[in-house]
Amino acid sequence: MSDLDTHGQPGSSSNGGNRPVRQIRLPSGFLRANTIYLFIVALVAVGVVLRLMGGIFIPFVIALLLSFVFAPLVSGLVKVRLPRIIAVSITLIVFVAFGYLIVLVVYSSVQSLLREFPKYQLRFTLLLREMIEQFDLPADFFSQMEITRNIGNALLAFSGNFMSFASGFMVVFIFLLFLLMEQPYLKGKMSIAFRDSTTRRFAIVLAHINQQVARYIGVKLVVSFLTAVVVYILFRLIGVDFPFIWAIMTFLFNFIPSIGSIAITFITGVFAIVQFLPEWNPIIATFVGMGLTQFIIGNVIDPKLLGDRLNLSPVVILLSLLIWGWLWGTAGLFLAVPLTVTIKIILENVPGLEAFGVLMGTGNFRERKKRQSKQQEERAR
C-alpha cells in the first residue's frame, strides 16, 4: 500500500508513520558562543556604518544626550501646568541664547587672536632659534615640523568652519526639539510594540541610561564651568593674554577624560613660555596654577560629585577615546564616555552579553549588587 492517501498527502505507514519527530538540542555553550560571534560581527558592521555616516549620527547623538539633560527641566515646567510645547520652547530658547552668546564671544576672541598671531609667531620663531643654538641642533630641525604654520592653519580652519558649525548646531536643535516633544509617548509606543516583560526591561534600561548619562553630563558641566572660572581669574591675575579663550578651551577639554586636562595644561604652558620668556615667574605660576586647578577639581571635587556611578574601567575609558576618536574625530572624543556608559548598561541587561558589561566595569561589585537589587525591585513592581 502507498504511503500517500487519496488526497496525495503523506499517510501513516504500518510500522513507523506515528513516530515523534526528534528535536536536536544544541549545547548551551554552543549557543552562548554563537551569540558572542554574532555580537562581534554586528559590532564591526555597526562601526563601519558609524564611520561612514558620522555626519548624520553625530548631531543626533549630541541631541539625544542633551535631551537627557533637558528632560527634567521640561518635566518640571509641565508639572506647573505649562503646555509641553511652551515648556520645550522655553528650554530651547534659553539653550540657543546661551549657546549663541558663547559662540559669538569665542568667535570674536579667535579673530582677535588671529590679528595678534604674527607677533606670537615671531616670538616663537626666535625662541626656536635660541634652542637650536643652545643645544646645537640642525638648522632645519624645527622648520621641517612646520609648527607655526600648522598652528596658524588650525586657527584659520577654526575661523573658516564657523558657518558649518552653525549649520550643525541647527541640525542638533531640530533633533532636540522632536526628541523632547516625543518623550512622553515613548513608553506607550513600547507597550504596544513589545510584550509586557520586554517593555519593562526596556524601560528599566532606558531609565538607567537616562539617570547615568544625565548625571554625568550635569556634573561635567558644573565641574568644567567651575574650572573655567578659576582659570579665567587665575590668568587675569597672572597677565596671560586671551584669558577668556583659555577658559573656554579648559571648559571644553575637561569633557575629554584624563587626556583633556593634560593637553590644556601643556598648551597653556607653551603659550605662557612664548609670551613671558625670559621672565620665569609668570610661566611657573601658569603651570602650577593650571596643574593645581586641574588636580584639585578633577581628583577631589569631580569624584565626590560623580561618585562611582559610572563604574567604568580607566582602561575602557582610554580605549573608548581611541575608538570613538577614530570613528568621529574630535566629536568622538567628547562623546566617548557617555556613549561607552550607554553601551555598558545595554550589555548588562542583554542575556548572554552580561559578561562584557562586567568586564567594562571597575570591579566594584558592591555597587553592582546594589544596582541589580534595585533593578529586581523595579521589575517586581
Protein backbone atom coordinates (compact mmCIF):
# COMPACT_ATOMS: atom_id res chain seq x y z
CA MET A 1 0.00 0.00 0.00
CA SER A 2 1.26 3.52 -0.86
CA ASP A 3 2.33 5.99 1.81
CA LEU A 4 0.15 8.64 0.15
CA ASP A 5 -3.55 8.79 0.93
CA THR A 6 -6.28 9.61 -1.59
CA HIS A 7 -5.61 13.37 -1.29
CA GLY A 8 -1.93 12.95 -2.14
CA GLN A 9 -0.70 13.73 1.39
CA PRO A 10 1.71 11.54 3.33
CA GLY A 11 -0.12 8.84 5.19
CA SER A 12 0.81 6.75 8.17
CA SER A 13 2.59 3.52 7.40
CA SER A 14 2.07 0.38 9.42
CA ASN A 15 5.50 0.34 11.03
CA GLY A 16 6.63 3.90 11.67
CA GLY A 17 4.24 6.57 10.50
CA ASN A 18 3.36 7.82 14.00
CA ARG A 19 6.89 8.17 15.32
CA PRO A 20 7.50 11.51 17.07
CA VAL A 21 9.99 13.83 15.38
CA ARG A 22 13.24 14.01 17.36
CA GLN A 23 14.35 17.53 18.25
CA ILE A 24 18.06 18.31 18.23
CA ARG A 25 19.10 20.31 21.29
CA LEU A 26 22.29 22.33 20.93
CA PRO A 27 24.59 22.68 23.95
CA SER A 28 24.18 25.90 25.91
CA GLY A 29 27.89 26.65 25.44
CA PHE A 30 27.45 26.50 21.65
CA LEU A 31 24.52 28.90 21.82
CA ARG A 32 26.48 31.30 24.01
CA ALA A 33 29.49 31.19 21.65
CA ASN A 34 27.18 31.74 18.68
CA THR A 35 25.67 34.78 20.41
CA ILE A 36 29.14 36.21 21.07
CA TYR A 37 30.26 35.68 17.46
CA LEU A 38 27.10 37.32 16.13
CA PHE A 39 27.64 40.20 18.55
CA ILE A 40 31.22 40.73 17.30
CA VAL A 41 30.10 40.67 13.65
CA ALA A 42 27.28 43.09 14.41
CA LEU A 43 29.71 45.34 16.31
CA VAL A 44 32.07 45.53 13.34
CA ALA A 45 29.17 46.24 10.98
CA VAL A 46 27.86 49.00 13.26
CA GLY A 47 31.36 50.50 13.47
CA VAL A 48 31.60 50.67 9.68
CA VAL A 49 28.17 52.33 9.44
CA LEU A 50 29.05 54.85 12.16
CA ARG A 51 32.33 55.67 10.43
CA LEU A 52 30.72 56.24 7.04
CA MET A 53 27.62 58.09 8.30
CA GLY A 54 29.16 60.16 11.10
CA GLY A 55 27.78 63.38 9.63
CA ILE A 56 24.25 62.12 10.29
CA PHE A 57 24.76 60.29 13.57
CA ILE A 58 26.88 62.89 15.42
CA PRO A 59 24.16 65.61 15.55
CA PHE A 60 21.57 63.01 16.55
CA VAL A 61 23.74 61.59 19.36
CA ILE A 62 24.51 65.09 20.67
CA ALA A 63 20.80 65.93 20.65
CA LEU A 64 19.97 62.63 22.37
CA LEU A 65 22.48 63.28 25.16
CA LEU A 66 21.24 66.85 25.58
CA SER A 67 17.67 65.56 25.80
CA PHE A 68 18.69 63.54 28.89
CA VAL A 69 19.89 66.79 30.49
CA PHE A 70 16.92 68.97 29.50
CA ALA A 71 14.17 66.40 30.08
CA PRO A 72 13.94 67.05 33.88
CA LEU A 73 13.66 70.80 33.23
CA VAL A 74 10.86 70.27 30.70
CA SER A 75 9.07 67.87 33.07
CA GLY A 76 9.33 70.44 35.87
CA LEU A 77 7.75 73.13 33.69
CA VAL A 78 4.98 70.73 32.64
CA LYS A 79 4.21 70.00 36.31
CA VAL A 80 3.45 73.69 36.90
CA ARG A 81 0.62 73.45 34.34
CA LEU A 82 2.52 74.73 31.30
CA PRO A 83 1.73 73.08 27.94
CA ARG A 84 4.55 70.85 26.80
CA ILE A 85 5.17 72.83 23.61
CA ILE A 86 5.68 76.00 25.68
CA ALA A 87 7.94 74.18 28.18
CA VAL A 88 10.08 72.78 25.35
CA SER A 89 10.17 76.19 23.64
CA ILE A 90 11.35 77.96 26.81
CA THR A 91 14.07 75.36 27.36
CA LEU A 92 15.32 75.53 23.79
CA ILE A 93 15.23 79.35 23.67
CA VAL A 94 17.44 79.51 26.77
CA PHE A 95 19.75 76.86 25.29
CA VAL A 96 20.05 78.66 21.92
CA ALA A 97 20.55 82.09 23.52
CA PHE A 98 23.27 80.79 25.84
CA GLY A 99 24.98 78.85 23.04
CA TYR A 100 24.83 81.79 20.64
CA LEU A 101 26.37 84.11 23.24
CA ILE A 102 29.27 81.72 23.92
CA VAL A 103 29.92 81.04 20.22
CA LEU A 104 29.85 84.78 19.43
CA VAL A 105 32.35 85.61 22.18
CA VAL A 106 34.63 82.72 21.20
CA TYR A 107 34.49 83.70 17.53
CA SER A 108 35.40 87.32 18.28
CA SER A 109 38.19 86.19 20.61
CA VAL A 110 39.63 83.89 17.95
CA GLN A 111 39.51 86.74 15.44
CA SER A 112 41.48 88.95 17.83
CA LEU A 113 43.94 86.11 18.36
CA LEU A 114 44.38 85.81 14.59
CA ARG A 115 45.17 89.52 14.40
CA GLU A 116 47.84 89.12 17.10
CA PHE A 117 49.15 85.80 15.76
CA PRO A 118 52.08 87.26 13.71
CA LYS A 119 53.52 88.76 16.91
CA TYR A 120 53.42 85.42 18.73
CA GLN A 121 54.68 83.64 15.63
CA LEU A 122 57.74 85.89 15.56
CA ARG A 123 58.46 85.34 19.27
CA PHE A 124 58.03 81.59 18.84
CA THR A 125 60.47 81.57 15.91
CA LEU A 126 63.06 83.48 17.93
CA LEU A 127 62.70 81.01 20.82
CA LEU A 128 63.21 78.08 18.45
CA ARG A 129 66.37 79.68 17.08
CA GLU A 130 67.71 80.15 20.61
CA MET A 131 67.03 76.46 21.34
CA ILE A 132 68.81 75.42 18.14
CA GLU A 133 71.89 77.47 19.06
CA GLN A 134 71.89 76.39 22.72
CA PHE A 135 71.50 72.64 22.12
CA ASP A 136 73.48 72.55 18.84
CA LEU A 137 70.57 71.16 16.82
CA PRO A 138 70.41 71.05 12.99
CA ALA A 139 69.34 74.37 11.50
CA ASP A 140 66.27 72.85 9.83
CA PHE A 141 65.26 70.71 12.84
CA PHE A 142 62.12 72.71 13.71
CA SER A 143 61.47 74.10 10.23
CA GLN A 144 60.77 70.57 8.99
CA MET A 145 57.97 70.26 11.56
CA GLU A 146 56.32 73.50 10.34
CA ILE A 147 54.93 74.11 13.82
CA THR A 148 53.96 77.76 13.41
CA ARG A 149 52.37 77.13 10.03
CA ASN A 150 50.30 74.25 11.43
CA ILE A 151 49.10 76.38 14.36
CA GLY A 152 48.12 79.21 12.02
CA ASN A 153 46.30 76.82 9.68
CA ALA A 154 44.41 75.37 12.64
CA LEU A 155 43.26 78.82 13.75
CA LEU A 156 42.22 79.74 10.21
CA ALA A 157 40.36 76.43 9.83
CA PHE A 158 38.52 77.04 13.11
CA SER A 159 37.53 80.51 11.96
CA GLY A 160 36.52 79.31 8.50
CA ASN A 161 34.42 76.43 9.84
CA PHE A 162 32.23 78.74 11.92
CA MET A 163 29.35 78.64 9.42
CA SER A 164 29.49 74.85 9.13
CA PHE A 165 29.41 74.67 12.93
CA ALA A 166 26.34 76.93 12.94
CA SER A 167 24.57 74.68 10.42
CA GLY A 168 25.43 71.60 12.50
CA PHE A 169 24.08 73.37 15.57
CA MET A 170 20.74 73.89 13.77
CA VAL A 171 20.53 70.16 12.98
CA VAL A 172 21.15 69.37 16.66
CA PHE A 173 18.45 71.90 17.59
CA ILE A 174 15.86 70.26 15.30
CA PHE A 175 16.67 66.76 16.60
CA LEU A 176 16.48 68.01 20.20
CA LEU A 177 13.11 69.66 19.60
CA PHE A 178 11.50 66.48 18.31
CA LEU A 179 13.12 64.27 20.96
CA LEU A 180 11.79 66.43 23.80
CA MET A 181 8.33 66.62 22.24
CA GLU A 182 8.12 62.85 21.66
CA GLN A 183 9.45 61.73 25.04
CA PRO A 184 6.06 61.29 26.83
CA TYR A 185 4.80 58.94 24.11
CA LEU A 186 7.79 56.59 24.18
CA LYS A 187 6.50 54.32 26.95
CA GLY A 188 3.11 53.95 25.31
CA LYS A 189 4.66 53.04 21.97
CA MET A 190 6.89 50.44 23.63
CA SER A 191 3.93 48.81 25.41
CA ILE A 192 2.12 48.48 22.08
CA ALA A 193 5.16 47.28 20.13
CA PHE A 194 6.53 44.71 22.63
CA ARG A 195 5.35 42.28 25.25
CA ASP A 196 4.94 43.43 28.85
CA SER A 197 8.17 41.79 30.06
CA THR A 198 10.20 43.27 27.18
CA THR A 199 8.63 46.68 27.77
CA ARG A 200 9.55 46.58 31.46
CA ARG A 201 13.12 45.54 30.72
CA PHE A 202 13.48 48.22 28.05
CA ALA A 203 12.01 50.85 30.37
CA ILE A 204 14.47 49.90 33.14
CA VAL A 205 17.44 50.07 30.75
CA LEU A 206 16.28 53.42 29.36
CA ALA A 207 15.75 54.85 32.86
CA HIS A 208 19.21 53.65 33.93
CA ILE A 209 20.84 55.20 30.83
CA ASN A 210 18.92 58.43 31.38
CA GLN A 211 19.99 58.61 35.03
CA GLN A 212 23.66 57.79 34.43
CA VAL A 213 24.22 59.93 31.35
CA ALA A 214 22.23 62.91 32.67
CA ARG A 215 24.15 62.83 35.94
CA TYR A 216 27.50 62.54 34.14
CA ILE A 217 26.79 65.43 31.76
CA GLY A 218 25.32 67.57 34.56
CA VAL A 219 28.32 67.04 36.84
CA LYS A 220 30.75 67.61 33.96
CA LEU A 221 29.00 70.87 33.06
CA VAL A 222 29.25 72.13 36.65
CA VAL A 223 32.85 70.97 37.17
CA SER A 224 34.03 72.26 33.77
CA PHE A 225 32.35 75.63 34.35
CA LEU A 226 33.97 75.89 37.79
CA THR A 227 37.38 75.03 36.31
CA ALA A 228 36.92 77.59 33.53
CA VAL A 229 36.02 80.35 36.02
CA VAL A 230 39.08 79.57 38.15
CA VAL A 231 41.34 79.54 35.08
CA TYR A 232 39.92 82.85 33.84
CA ILE A 233 40.50 84.57 37.21
CA LEU A 234 43.96 82.99 37.56
CA PHE A 235 45.11 84.02 34.08
CA ARG A 236 43.78 87.55 34.57
CA LEU A 237 45.85 87.85 37.74
CA ILE A 238 48.99 86.42 36.10
CA GLY A 239 48.54 88.51 32.95
CA VAL A 240 48.20 85.73 30.36
CA ASP A 241 46.76 87.08 27.12
CA PHE A 242 43.31 85.97 25.94
CA PRO A 243 42.15 84.54 29.30
CA PHE A 244 38.59 84.06 28.05
CA ILE A 245 39.74 81.82 25.18
CA TRP A 246 41.78 79.70 27.59
CA ALA A 247 38.78 79.47 29.96
CA ILE A 248 36.53 78.26 27.12
CA MET A 249 39.15 75.77 25.95
CA THR A 250 39.55 74.50 29.53
CA PHE A 251 35.77 74.06 29.74
CA LEU A 252 35.71 72.02 26.51
CA PHE A 253 38.87 69.96 27.17
CA ASN A 254 37.55 68.88 30.59
CA PHE A 255 34.94 66.75 28.79
CA ILE A 256 37.79 64.58 27.46
CA PRO A 257 38.74 62.34 30.42
CA SER A 258 42.37 62.24 31.57
CA ILE A 259 43.88 63.39 28.26
CA GLY A 260 41.97 66.68 28.10
CA SER A 261 43.29 68.18 31.34
CA ILE A 262 46.88 67.21 30.47
CA ALA A 263 46.58 68.64 26.95
CA ILE A 264 45.16 72.02 28.02
CA THR A 265 47.78 72.36 30.77
CA PHE A 266 50.54 71.74 28.21
CA ILE A 267 49.03 74.12 25.63
CA THR A 268 48.59 77.00 28.09
CA GLY A 269 52.08 76.40 29.47
CA VAL A 270 53.65 76.63 25.99
CA PHE A 271 51.70 79.83 25.30
CA ALA A 272 52.94 81.29 28.61
CA ILE A 273 56.53 80.46 27.62
CA VAL A 274 56.09 82.22 24.27
CA GLN A 275 54.50 85.26 25.92
CA PHE A 276 56.64 85.74 29.04
CA LEU A 277 60.12 84.32 28.39
CA PRO A 278 62.73 85.27 29.72
CA GLU A 279 60.58 86.04 32.79
CA TRP A 280 60.08 82.69 34.54
CA ASN A 281 57.80 83.71 37.42
CA PRO A 282 54.59 84.06 35.35
CA ILE A 283 55.48 80.90 33.42
CA ILE A 284 55.86 78.89 36.63
CA ALA A 285 52.67 80.47 38.01
CA THR A 286 50.78 79.43 34.86
CA PHE A 287 51.99 75.83 35.00
CA VAL A 288 51.49 75.45 38.76
CA GLY A 289 48.16 77.27 38.82
CA MET A 290 46.67 75.28 35.95
CA GLY A 291 48.08 71.99 37.27
CA LEU A 292 46.75 72.52 40.79
CA THR A 293 43.34 73.61 39.50
CA GLN A 294 43.03 70.52 37.32
CA PHE A 295 44.28 68.23 40.08
CA ILE A 296 42.04 69.56 42.87
CA ILE A 297 38.86 69.85 40.80
CA GLY A 298 39.47 66.72 38.73
CA ASN A 299 40.62 64.43 41.57
CA VAL A 300 38.72 65.78 44.59
CA ILE A 301 35.56 67.66 43.61
CA ASP A 302 34.65 65.69 40.47
CA PRO A 303 34.83 62.20 42.12
CA LYS A 304 32.82 63.43 45.13
CA LEU A 305 30.04 64.76 42.90
CA LEU A 306 30.05 61.87 40.44
CA GLY A 307 30.96 59.03 42.78
CA ASP A 308 31.39 55.53 41.32
CA ARG A 309 28.10 55.57 39.46
CA LEU A 310 29.68 55.26 36.02
CA ASN A 311 31.65 52.17 37.09
CA LEU A 312 33.90 52.31 34.00
CA SER A 313 37.42 50.91 34.00
CA PRO A 314 40.13 53.52 33.23
CA VAL A 315 41.46 51.20 30.52
CA VAL A 316 38.00 51.08 28.93
CA ILE A 317 37.81 54.89 29.04
CA LEU A 318 41.15 55.21 27.23
CA LEU A 319 40.13 52.60 24.65
CA SER A 320 36.81 54.36 24.13
CA LEU A 321 38.66 57.63 23.50
CA LEU A 322 40.79 55.92 20.84
CA ILE A 323 37.85 54.13 19.18
CA TRP A 324 35.35 56.99 19.17
CA GLY A 325 38.10 59.46 18.26
CA TRP A 326 38.96 57.30 15.25
CA LEU A 327 35.29 56.95 14.27
CA TRP A 328 34.15 60.56 14.70
CA GLY A 329 37.28 62.66 15.21
CA THR A 330 37.15 65.45 17.80
CA ALA A 331 33.41 64.99 18.37
CA GLY A 332 34.07 61.35 19.23
CA LEU A 333 36.49 62.36 22.00
CA PHE A 334 33.80 64.47 23.67
CA LEU A 335 31.09 61.81 23.25
CA ALA A 336 33.25 58.80 24.17
CA VAL A 337 32.32 58.42 27.85
CA PRO A 338 28.52 58.92 27.56
CA LEU A 339 28.35 56.51 24.62
CA THR A 340 30.51 53.92 26.39
CA VAL A 341 28.34 54.16 29.52
CA THR A 342 25.26 53.60 27.35
CA ILE A 343 26.81 50.54 25.69
CA LYS A 344 27.84 49.12 29.07
CA ILE A 345 24.32 49.47 30.51
CA ILE A 346 22.80 47.81 27.45
CA LEU A 347 25.26 44.90 27.64
CA GLU A 348 24.49 44.36 31.33
CA ASN A 349 20.81 43.89 30.50
CA VAL A 350 21.04 41.69 27.38
CA PRO A 351 21.02 37.93 28.13
CA GLY A 352 24.27 36.30 27.05
CA LEU A 353 26.23 39.57 26.94
CA GLU A 354 26.32 40.38 30.67
CA ALA A 355 29.97 39.27 30.86
CA PHE A 356 31.06 42.09 28.54
CA GLY A 357 29.32 44.64 30.77
CA VAL A 358 31.10 43.25 33.83
CA LEU A 359 34.49 43.36 32.10
CA MET A 360 33.97 47.02 31.22
CA GLY A 361 33.48 47.93 34.90
CA THR A 362 35.95 48.90 37.60
CA GLY A 363 35.41 45.71 39.61
CA ASN A 364 33.31 47.43 42.28
CA PHE A 365 30.90 44.52 42.73
CA ARG A 366 29.26 46.08 45.79
CA GLU A 367 27.89 48.89 43.65
CA ARG A 368 26.85 46.37 41.01
CA LYS A 369 24.92 44.26 43.53
CA LYS A 370 23.09 47.34 44.80
CA ARG A 371 22.14 48.23 41.24
CA GLN A 372 20.98 44.68 40.47
CA SER A 373 18.83 44.52 43.60
CA LYS A 374 17.30 47.87 42.70
CA GLN A 375 16.53 46.62 39.19
CA GLN A 376 14.92 43.47 40.59
CA GLU A 377 12.70 45.59 42.82
CA GLU A 378 11.65 47.70 39.82
CA ARG A 379 10.86 44.56 37.81
CA ALA A 380 8.83 43.14 40.68
CA ARG A 381 6.62 46.24 40.67
